[in-house]
N, C-alpha and C. Protein backbone atom coordinates (compact mmCIF):
# COMPACT_ATOMS: atom_id res chain seq x y z
N MET A 1 31.76 33.22 -41.73
CA MET A 1 32.54 33.09 -42.93
C MET A 1 32.18 33.97 -43.76
N ASN A 2 33.01 34.41 -44.82
CA ASN A 2 32.90 35.31 -45.76
C ASN A 2 32.44 34.68 -47.00
N PRO A 3 31.44 35.17 -47.75
CA PRO A 3 30.96 34.67 -49.02
C PRO A 3 32.22 34.47 -49.80
N PRO A 4 32.11 33.65 -51.03
CA PRO A 4 33.30 33.64 -51.93
C PRO A 4 33.45 35.00 -52.69
N PRO A 5 34.68 35.29 -53.16
CA PRO A 5 34.83 36.56 -53.97
C PRO A 5 33.95 36.56 -55.18
N LEU A 6 33.51 37.80 -55.57
CA LEU A 6 32.67 37.96 -56.52
C LEU A 6 33.18 37.59 -57.95
N PRO A 7 32.36 36.60 -58.71
CA PRO A 7 32.62 36.18 -59.92
C PRO A 7 31.76 37.14 -60.78
N PRO A 8 32.25 38.21 -61.42
CA PRO A 8 31.35 39.30 -61.98
C PRO A 8 30.63 38.64 -63.35
N GLN A 9 31.28 37.66 -63.99
CA GLN A 9 30.40 37.43 -65.18
C GLN A 9 29.32 36.45 -64.85
N THR A 10 29.16 35.95 -63.62
CA THR A 10 28.18 34.86 -63.39
C THR A 10 27.00 35.48 -62.56
N TRP A 11 27.18 36.65 -61.88
CA TRP A 11 26.32 37.18 -61.00
C TRP A 11 25.44 38.14 -61.75
N SER A 12 24.07 38.33 -61.44
CA SER A 12 23.35 39.32 -61.76
C SER A 12 23.82 40.61 -61.11
N GLN A 13 23.10 41.74 -61.60
CA GLN A 13 23.34 43.01 -61.05
C GLN A 13 22.75 43.19 -59.41
N ASP A 14 21.69 42.33 -59.27
CA ASP A 14 20.89 42.37 -57.86
C ASP A 14 21.80 41.58 -56.98
N GLU A 15 22.34 40.41 -57.48
CA GLU A 15 23.20 39.52 -56.57
C GLU A 15 24.50 40.15 -56.20
N VAL A 16 25.11 41.10 -57.19
CA VAL A 16 26.24 42.08 -56.87
C VAL A 16 25.78 42.79 -55.80
N THR A 17 24.69 43.67 -56.03
CA THR A 17 24.39 44.73 -55.13
C THR A 17 24.00 44.15 -53.77
N ALA A 18 23.47 42.95 -53.67
CA ALA A 18 23.10 42.25 -52.35
C ALA A 18 24.37 41.81 -51.78
N TYR A 19 25.27 41.58 -52.41
CA TYR A 19 26.62 41.01 -51.94
C TYR A 19 27.47 42.31 -51.19
N LEU A 20 27.69 43.37 -51.99
CA LEU A 20 28.12 44.67 -51.64
C LEU A 20 27.47 45.23 -50.47
N ASN A 21 26.36 45.05 -50.07
CA ASN A 21 25.65 45.53 -48.96
C ASN A 21 25.75 44.83 -47.80
N GLN A 22 26.41 43.60 -47.86
CA GLN A 22 26.73 42.84 -46.74
C GLN A 22 27.81 43.55 -45.95
N PRO A 23 27.94 43.03 -44.39
CA PRO A 23 29.05 43.70 -43.80
C PRO A 23 30.33 43.26 -44.25
N PHE A 24 31.18 43.97 -43.99
CA PHE A 24 32.74 43.69 -44.50
C PHE A 24 33.19 43.01 -43.09
N LEU A 25 33.50 41.64 -43.30
CA LEU A 25 33.89 40.62 -42.23
C LEU A 25 35.13 39.85 -42.77
N ILE A 26 36.08 39.60 -41.96
CA ILE A 26 37.19 38.79 -42.10
C ILE A 26 37.27 37.91 -40.84
N ALA A 27 37.16 36.59 -41.26
CA ALA A 27 37.03 35.35 -40.31
C ALA A 27 35.79 35.60 -39.39
N GLY A 28 34.73 36.20 -40.07
CA GLY A 28 33.31 36.38 -39.20
C GLY A 28 33.50 37.61 -38.26
N LYS A 29 34.51 38.35 -38.17
CA LYS A 29 34.65 39.71 -37.41
C LYS A 29 34.77 41.01 -38.30
N PRO A 30 34.29 41.98 -37.71
CA PRO A 30 34.76 43.21 -38.74
C PRO A 30 35.93 43.69 -38.29
N VAL A 31 36.80 44.17 -39.16
CA VAL A 31 38.31 44.72 -39.22
C VAL A 31 38.01 46.00 -38.22
N PRO A 32 38.80 46.21 -37.10
CA PRO A 32 38.71 47.34 -36.50
C PRO A 32 38.82 48.64 -37.35
N GLY A 33 37.77 49.64 -37.26
CA GLY A 33 37.72 50.73 -37.94
C GLY A 33 36.60 50.50 -39.07
N THR A 34 35.91 49.34 -39.22
CA THR A 34 34.96 49.11 -40.19
C THR A 34 33.73 48.69 -39.62
N GLU A 35 33.46 48.63 -38.33
CA GLU A 35 32.29 48.34 -37.63
C GLU A 35 31.05 48.94 -38.29
N GLY A 36 30.22 48.28 -38.55
CA GLY A 36 28.96 48.74 -39.21
C GLY A 36 28.87 49.11 -40.59
N MET A 37 30.01 48.79 -41.33
CA MET A 37 30.17 49.28 -42.62
C MET A 37 30.00 48.24 -43.59
N SER A 38 29.35 48.35 -44.73
CA SER A 38 29.19 47.23 -45.81
C SER A 38 30.34 47.30 -46.63
N ILE A 39 30.49 46.46 -47.58
CA ILE A 39 31.53 46.19 -48.43
C ILE A 39 31.57 47.43 -49.40
N MET A 40 30.41 48.00 -49.87
CA MET A 40 30.12 49.25 -50.57
C MET A 40 30.64 50.40 -49.98
N GLN A 41 30.35 50.65 -48.83
CA GLN A 41 30.80 51.78 -47.98
C GLN A 41 32.45 51.63 -47.78
N ILE A 42 32.92 50.41 -47.61
CA ILE A 42 34.36 50.45 -47.44
C ILE A 42 35.04 50.62 -48.77
N GLU A 43 34.45 50.35 -49.89
CA GLU A 43 34.99 50.56 -51.32
C GLU A 43 34.96 52.05 -51.32
N ASP A 44 33.89 52.95 -51.14
CA ASP A 44 33.77 54.15 -51.30
C ASP A 44 34.66 55.10 -50.45
N GLU A 45 35.04 54.43 -49.09
CA GLU A 45 36.14 55.04 -48.28
C GLU A 45 37.34 54.84 -48.82
N ILE A 46 37.66 53.84 -49.53
CA ILE A 46 39.03 53.48 -50.32
C ILE A 46 39.14 54.52 -51.39
N LEU A 47 38.00 54.65 -52.17
CA LEU A 47 38.20 55.60 -53.33
C LEU A 47 38.33 56.94 -52.84
N ARG A 48 38.14 57.34 -51.57
CA ARG A 48 38.46 58.79 -51.10
C ARG A 48 39.79 58.77 -50.29
N GLY A 49 40.43 57.61 -50.22
CA GLY A 49 41.65 57.62 -49.68
C GLY A 49 42.00 56.51 -48.42
N GLY A 50 40.79 56.05 -48.05
CA GLY A 50 40.81 55.02 -46.86
C GLY A 50 41.87 53.75 -47.20
N ARG A 51 42.25 53.21 -46.29
CA ARG A 51 43.42 52.20 -46.38
C ARG A 51 43.21 51.12 -45.23
N PHE A 52 43.70 49.91 -45.49
CA PHE A 52 43.65 49.10 -44.52
C PHE A 52 45.17 48.89 -44.25
N ARG A 53 45.60 48.88 -42.75
CA ARG A 53 47.11 49.10 -42.56
C ARG A 53 47.45 48.28 -41.36
N VAL A 54 48.92 47.77 -41.46
CA VAL A 54 49.24 47.06 -40.39
C VAL A 54 50.60 47.71 -39.91
N PHE A 55 50.59 47.91 -38.49
CA PHE A 55 51.76 48.66 -37.87
C PHE A 55 52.70 47.71 -37.37
N LEU A 56 53.98 48.03 -37.34
CA LEU A 56 55.10 47.16 -36.79
C LEU A 56 55.46 47.48 -35.34
N TRP A 57 55.83 46.64 -34.55
CA TRP A 57 56.40 46.82 -33.19
C TRP A 57 57.52 45.65 -33.11
N ASN A 58 58.41 46.02 -32.20
CA ASN A 58 59.46 45.23 -31.99
C ASN A 58 59.90 45.15 -30.41
N PHE A 59 60.37 44.07 -29.93
CA PHE A 59 60.72 43.82 -28.67
C PHE A 59 62.20 43.23 -28.54
N SER A 60 62.90 43.53 -27.75
CA SER A 60 64.25 42.78 -27.54
C SER A 60 64.63 42.86 -26.06
N VAL A 61 65.38 41.72 -25.68
CA VAL A 61 66.12 41.46 -24.45
C VAL A 61 67.40 40.86 -24.89
N ILE A 62 68.32 41.68 -24.55
CA ILE A 62 69.78 41.26 -24.87
C ILE A 62 70.12 40.46 -26.08
N VAL A 63 69.83 39.12 -26.24
CA VAL A 63 70.06 38.37 -27.37
C VAL A 63 68.93 37.98 -28.14
N VAL A 64 67.82 38.18 -27.58
CA VAL A 64 66.47 37.70 -28.16
C VAL A 64 65.71 39.17 -28.75
N SER A 65 65.60 39.10 -29.91
CA SER A 65 64.78 40.30 -30.69
C SER A 65 63.72 39.83 -31.59
N PHE A 66 62.73 40.21 -31.58
CA PHE A 66 61.52 39.84 -32.59
C PHE A 66 60.70 41.01 -32.95
N GLN A 67 60.23 40.90 -34.17
CA GLN A 67 59.43 41.97 -34.82
C GLN A 67 58.17 41.48 -35.26
N ARG A 68 57.00 42.18 -34.90
CA ARG A 68 55.56 41.68 -35.15
C ARG A 68 54.92 42.79 -35.66
N GLY A 69 53.65 42.39 -36.34
CA GLY A 69 52.70 43.36 -36.85
C GLY A 69 51.64 43.27 -36.15
N THR A 70 51.06 44.33 -36.07
CA THR A 70 49.69 44.41 -35.36
C THR A 70 48.59 43.83 -36.03
N GLY A 71 47.48 43.72 -35.66
CA GLY A 71 46.13 43.49 -36.33
C GLY A 71 45.94 44.44 -37.47
N VAL A 72 45.18 44.20 -38.45
CA VAL A 72 44.77 44.93 -39.55
C VAL A 72 43.78 45.91 -38.95
N ARG A 73 43.95 47.23 -39.37
CA ARG A 73 43.19 48.38 -38.88
C ARG A 73 42.71 49.16 -40.11
N PHE A 74 41.59 49.52 -40.30
CA PHE A 74 40.99 50.25 -41.45
C PHE A 74 41.27 51.77 -40.99
N ILE A 75 41.97 52.60 -41.80
CA ILE A 75 41.99 53.99 -41.57
C ILE A 75 41.28 54.73 -42.71
N ARG A 76 40.25 55.30 -42.20
CA ARG A 76 39.31 56.12 -42.92
C ARG A 76 40.06 57.38 -43.79
N SER A 77 39.27 57.83 -44.58
CA SER A 77 39.82 58.82 -45.68
C SER A 77 39.92 60.14 -44.74
N ASN A 78 39.07 60.37 -43.78
CA ASN A 78 39.17 61.54 -42.96
C ASN A 78 40.20 61.52 -41.75
N GLU A 79 40.84 60.29 -41.69
CA GLU A 79 41.90 60.07 -40.63
C GLU A 79 43.23 59.87 -41.17
N GLY A 80 44.17 60.07 -40.40
CA GLY A 80 45.53 59.68 -40.76
C GLY A 80 46.08 58.52 -39.98
N PRO A 81 46.97 57.95 -40.55
CA PRO A 81 47.52 56.64 -39.88
C PRO A 81 48.33 56.89 -38.73
N GLY A 82 48.85 58.18 -38.36
CA GLY A 82 49.69 58.48 -37.43
C GLY A 82 49.38 58.29 -36.10
N LEU A 83 48.22 58.62 -35.75
CA LEU A 83 47.58 58.23 -34.60
C LEU A 83 47.60 56.79 -34.13
N TYR A 84 47.41 55.72 -34.82
CA TYR A 84 47.68 54.42 -34.81
C TYR A 84 49.09 53.95 -34.68
N ALA A 85 49.87 54.76 -35.31
CA ALA A 85 51.36 54.17 -35.43
C ALA A 85 52.20 54.63 -34.20
N TRP A 86 51.72 55.94 -33.54
CA TRP A 86 52.29 56.18 -32.41
C TRP A 86 52.70 55.32 -31.26
N PRO A 87 51.75 54.36 -30.78
CA PRO A 87 51.82 53.56 -29.71
C PRO A 87 53.00 52.49 -29.77
N TRP A 88 52.98 52.08 -31.05
CA TRP A 88 53.82 50.98 -31.47
C TRP A 88 55.10 51.26 -31.73
N THR A 89 55.37 52.63 -32.29
CA THR A 89 56.70 53.25 -32.35
C THR A 89 57.35 53.64 -31.25
N LEU A 90 56.38 53.97 -30.25
CA LEU A 90 57.10 54.39 -28.96
C LEU A 90 57.38 53.03 -28.12
N LEU A 91 56.63 52.05 -28.28
CA LEU A 91 56.91 50.75 -27.74
C LEU A 91 58.33 50.27 -28.17
N SER A 92 58.49 50.34 -29.40
CA SER A 92 59.75 49.82 -30.20
C SER A 92 60.88 50.87 -29.83
N ALA A 93 60.60 52.12 -29.40
CA ALA A 93 61.58 52.92 -29.13
C ALA A 93 62.19 52.71 -27.98
N LEU A 94 61.16 52.22 -26.91
CA LEU A 94 61.64 51.83 -25.59
C LEU A 94 62.28 50.61 -25.34
N VAL A 95 61.71 49.56 -25.96
CA VAL A 95 62.18 48.22 -25.70
C VAL A 95 62.58 47.53 -26.97
N GLY A 96 62.68 48.12 -28.02
CA GLY A 96 63.04 47.29 -29.23
C GLY A 96 64.48 47.26 -29.52
N TRP A 97 65.12 48.21 -29.09
CA TRP A 97 66.73 48.27 -29.60
C TRP A 97 67.69 47.57 -28.82
N TRP A 98 67.24 46.99 -27.55
CA TRP A 98 67.98 46.47 -26.61
C TRP A 98 68.84 45.03 -27.08
N GLY A 99 68.21 44.58 -27.96
CA GLY A 99 68.59 42.97 -28.35
C GLY A 99 70.02 43.28 -29.24
N PHE A 100 70.88 42.34 -29.12
CA PHE A 100 72.00 42.28 -29.96
C PHE A 100 71.91 41.12 -30.83
N PRO A 101 72.46 41.11 -32.23
CA PRO A 101 72.47 42.26 -32.91
C PRO A 101 71.41 42.76 -33.64
N TRP A 102 70.19 42.04 -33.62
CA TRP A 102 69.19 42.46 -34.44
C TRP A 102 68.28 43.53 -33.95
N GLY A 103 68.39 43.95 -32.48
CA GLY A 103 67.42 44.97 -32.22
C GLY A 103 67.27 46.29 -32.82
N ILE A 104 68.63 46.76 -32.99
CA ILE A 104 68.55 48.02 -33.36
C ILE A 104 68.04 48.04 -34.90
N PHE A 105 68.41 47.08 -35.69
CA PHE A 105 68.03 47.09 -37.07
C PHE A 105 66.39 46.88 -37.29
N PHE A 106 65.87 46.03 -36.23
CA PHE A 106 64.47 45.83 -36.13
C PHE A 106 63.76 47.25 -35.74
N THR A 107 64.23 47.83 -34.91
CA THR A 107 63.64 49.31 -34.42
C THR A 107 63.70 50.10 -35.79
N ILE A 108 64.93 50.33 -36.33
CA ILE A 108 64.83 51.29 -37.39
C ILE A 108 64.08 50.95 -38.69
N HIS A 109 63.84 49.55 -38.91
CA HIS A 109 62.96 49.17 -39.82
C HIS A 109 61.50 49.50 -39.34
N THR A 110 61.08 49.34 -37.91
CA THR A 110 59.77 49.60 -37.36
C THR A 110 59.59 51.02 -37.53
N PHE A 111 60.62 51.86 -37.22
CA PHE A 111 60.43 53.30 -37.56
C PHE A 111 60.09 53.75 -38.86
N TRP A 112 60.81 53.05 -39.75
CA TRP A 112 60.54 53.60 -41.31
C TRP A 112 59.26 53.03 -41.71
N ILE A 113 58.66 51.91 -41.40
CA ILE A 113 57.40 51.34 -41.80
C ILE A 113 56.37 52.31 -41.28
N ASN A 114 56.48 52.36 -40.01
CA ASN A 114 55.38 53.15 -39.27
C ASN A 114 55.39 54.50 -39.50
N CYS A 115 56.67 55.25 -40.06
CA CYS A 115 56.65 56.68 -40.29
C CYS A 115 55.92 56.79 -41.72
N MET A 116 56.01 55.69 -42.39
CA MET A 116 55.41 55.69 -43.68
C MET A 116 53.79 55.45 -43.79
N GLY A 117 53.42 55.20 -42.50
CA GLY A 117 51.89 55.00 -42.34
C GLY A 117 51.54 53.50 -42.32
N GLY A 118 52.47 52.75 -41.97
CA GLY A 118 52.24 51.25 -41.68
C GLY A 118 52.25 50.44 -43.05
N ARG A 119 52.28 49.17 -42.92
CA ARG A 119 52.05 48.57 -44.15
C ARG A 119 50.87 48.34 -44.86
N ASP A 120 50.57 49.00 -46.03
CA ASP A 120 49.41 48.98 -46.83
C ASP A 120 48.97 47.47 -47.14
N VAL A 121 47.79 46.88 -46.60
CA VAL A 121 47.56 45.66 -46.91
C VAL A 121 46.03 45.67 -47.80
N THR A 122 45.71 46.93 -48.05
CA THR A 122 44.53 47.00 -48.87
C THR A 122 44.18 46.17 -50.07
N PRO A 123 45.34 45.96 -50.95
CA PRO A 123 45.14 45.33 -52.19
C PRO A 123 44.87 43.78 -51.92
N ASP A 124 45.53 43.16 -51.04
CA ASP A 124 45.31 41.84 -50.73
C ASP A 124 43.95 41.60 -50.08
N LEU A 125 43.61 42.45 -48.94
CA LEU A 125 42.48 42.35 -48.16
C LEU A 125 41.28 42.47 -49.06
N LEU A 126 41.14 43.59 -49.81
CA LEU A 126 40.12 43.81 -50.63
C LEU A 126 39.76 42.85 -51.80
N ALA A 127 40.96 42.24 -52.25
CA ALA A 127 40.83 41.27 -53.30
C ALA A 127 40.35 39.84 -52.62
N SER A 128 40.45 39.63 -51.35
CA SER A 128 40.11 38.33 -50.74
C SER A 128 38.56 38.63 -50.56
N VAL A 129 38.15 39.68 -50.44
CA VAL A 129 36.56 39.93 -50.11
C VAL A 129 35.78 40.18 -51.61
N THR A 130 36.33 40.92 -52.39
CA THR A 130 35.57 41.30 -53.65
C THR A 130 36.12 40.68 -54.89
N GLY A 131 37.08 39.94 -54.77
CA GLY A 131 37.79 39.52 -56.03
C GLY A 131 38.76 40.47 -56.52
N PRO A 132 39.93 39.80 -57.29
CA PRO A 132 40.96 40.67 -57.57
C PRO A 132 40.59 41.59 -58.53
N GLU A 133 39.66 41.18 -59.59
CA GLU A 133 39.44 42.24 -60.70
C GLU A 133 38.82 43.54 -60.10
N ARG A 134 37.63 43.42 -59.37
CA ARG A 134 36.90 44.46 -58.59
C ARG A 134 37.99 45.23 -57.65
N ALA A 135 38.73 44.49 -57.12
CA ALA A 135 39.84 45.38 -56.21
C ALA A 135 40.65 46.04 -56.65
N ALA A 136 41.27 45.61 -58.11
CA ALA A 136 42.29 46.29 -58.93
C ALA A 136 41.39 47.43 -59.56
N SER A 137 40.09 47.46 -60.03
CA SER A 137 39.28 48.55 -60.25
C SER A 137 39.18 49.58 -59.43
N VAL A 138 38.99 49.30 -58.17
CA VAL A 138 38.70 50.11 -57.28
C VAL A 138 40.06 50.84 -56.80
N LEU A 139 41.08 50.06 -56.61
CA LEU A 139 42.37 50.78 -56.33
C LEU A 139 42.80 51.71 -57.44
N ALA A 140 42.65 51.23 -58.58
CA ALA A 140 43.04 52.24 -59.83
C ALA A 140 42.43 53.53 -59.68
N ARG A 141 41.37 53.70 -59.22
CA ARG A 141 40.52 54.89 -59.13
C ARG A 141 40.55 55.65 -57.82
N ALA A 142 41.24 54.89 -56.76
CA ALA A 142 41.48 55.33 -55.55
C ALA A 142 42.19 56.63 -55.35
N ALA A 143 41.83 57.66 -54.39
CA ALA A 143 42.74 58.81 -54.02
C ALA A 143 43.94 58.28 -53.35
N LYS A 144 44.86 59.06 -53.43
CA LYS A 144 45.99 58.85 -52.46
C LYS A 144 45.72 59.08 -51.12
N PRO A 145 46.15 58.30 -50.22
CA PRO A 145 45.81 58.50 -48.78
C PRO A 145 46.58 59.72 -48.18
N ARG A 146 46.09 60.25 -47.11
CA ARG A 146 46.83 61.42 -46.71
C ARG A 146 47.60 61.07 -45.31
N ALA A 147 48.51 61.88 -45.09
CA ALA A 147 49.55 61.48 -44.03
C ALA A 147 48.78 61.97 -42.65
N GLY A 148 48.31 63.18 -42.50
CA GLY A 148 47.76 63.77 -41.37
C GLY A 148 48.61 64.40 -40.50
N PHE A 149 48.29 65.19 -39.49
CA PHE A 149 49.06 65.56 -38.52
C PHE A 149 49.91 64.71 -37.73
N TRP A 150 49.38 63.67 -37.08
CA TRP A 150 49.92 62.71 -36.21
C TRP A 150 51.10 61.77 -36.79
N LEU A 151 50.86 61.60 -38.00
CA LEU A 151 51.97 61.04 -38.88
C LEU A 151 53.31 62.15 -39.23
N TRP A 152 52.86 63.15 -39.53
CA TRP A 152 54.16 64.25 -39.65
C TRP A 152 54.64 64.39 -38.26
N LEU A 153 54.06 64.53 -36.98
CA LEU A 153 54.59 64.76 -35.82
C LEU A 153 55.32 63.56 -35.52
N LEU A 154 54.98 62.14 -35.77
CA LEU A 154 55.94 61.03 -35.39
C LEU A 154 57.08 61.20 -36.28
N ARG A 155 56.94 61.47 -37.66
CA ARG A 155 58.14 61.48 -38.46
C ARG A 155 59.29 62.60 -37.90
N SER A 156 58.53 63.69 -37.46
CA SER A 156 59.44 64.84 -36.84
C SER A 156 60.19 64.22 -35.59
N PHE A 157 59.43 63.53 -34.54
CA PHE A 157 59.92 62.96 -33.46
C PHE A 157 61.16 62.04 -33.87
N ILE A 158 60.77 61.14 -34.76
CA ILE A 158 62.01 60.07 -35.14
C ILE A 158 63.12 60.85 -35.73
N LEU A 159 62.95 61.87 -36.57
CA LEU A 159 64.06 62.48 -37.06
C LEU A 159 64.91 63.32 -36.03
N MET A 160 64.16 63.77 -34.84
CA MET A 160 64.91 64.50 -33.70
C MET A 160 65.61 63.41 -32.83
N ILE A 161 65.55 62.13 -33.15
CA ILE A 161 66.47 61.31 -32.26
C ILE A 161 67.95 61.50 -32.57
N PRO A 162 68.16 61.20 -33.75
CA PRO A 162 69.77 61.55 -33.98
C PRO A 162 70.27 62.91 -33.71
N VAL A 163 69.45 63.68 -33.89
CA VAL A 163 69.97 65.28 -33.49
C VAL A 163 70.05 65.39 -32.12
N VAL A 164 69.19 64.84 -31.22
CA VAL A 164 69.28 64.91 -29.80
C VAL A 164 70.63 64.01 -29.33
N LEU A 165 70.68 62.73 -29.98
CA LEU A 165 71.85 62.06 -29.53
C LEU A 165 73.24 62.70 -30.01
N TYR A 166 73.23 63.38 -31.21
CA TYR A 166 74.50 63.91 -31.47
C TYR A 166 74.83 65.13 -30.50
N ALA A 167 73.75 65.82 -30.14
CA ALA A 167 73.92 67.05 -29.38
C ALA A 167 74.45 66.58 -27.89
N LEU A 168 73.91 65.32 -27.55
CA LEU A 168 74.26 64.77 -26.07
C LEU A 168 75.71 64.29 -26.15
N ILE A 169 76.10 63.74 -27.39
CA ILE A 169 77.45 63.01 -27.32
C ILE A 169 78.39 64.33 -27.57
N ALA A 170 78.08 65.45 -28.27
CA ALA A 170 78.84 66.63 -28.42
C ALA A 170 78.98 67.24 -27.00
N TRP A 171 77.91 67.23 -26.23
CA TRP A 171 78.09 67.89 -25.03
C TRP A 171 78.83 67.27 -23.86
N LEU A 172 78.61 65.89 -23.82
CA LEU A 172 79.29 64.87 -23.11
C LEU A 172 81.04 64.99 -23.43
N ALA A 173 81.28 65.11 -24.76
CA ALA A 173 82.58 65.15 -25.27
C ALA A 173 83.40 66.42 -24.59
N SER A 174 82.48 67.63 -24.62
CA SER A 174 82.86 68.91 -24.12
C SER A 174 83.28 68.98 -22.69
N LEU A 175 82.91 68.01 -21.81
CA LEU A 175 83.05 68.13 -20.62
C LEU A 175 84.41 67.75 -20.18
């Protein structure tokens, strides 16, 4: 179990430093991507552009459609979120749009969120561990996260879907 959030006015500097050197755990487990990192190291990564992300996926079977999020994943400042978004986006592209009427809408929403790098849950997650004031202070000074090669490739792939569909329809119409 995590210690309570930092109350900055009541803790000494040594207590704050000791707290920040603890491992970053949620429900007693490290968040994927943070293994072996302390709270202070995570804050440093966030200052350089690291973020906690959740990616969406959806699944449909004729009249049943649902959309879910993955578990939280920490994307370090030298990584891009695209590599983690690809599998969930491809899954949704294959089995997400089959449901009527919501499958296509969930799939488009999944594509949009994943192409934007997933849902950023950094403010809430950081505030739950360090307290809202410290989290706001860290995020106010944080660098903007980078998209990276894999996210741009995913965006290009998604943008090609309507182009290919249009070309296919035009070709079929010309027969």
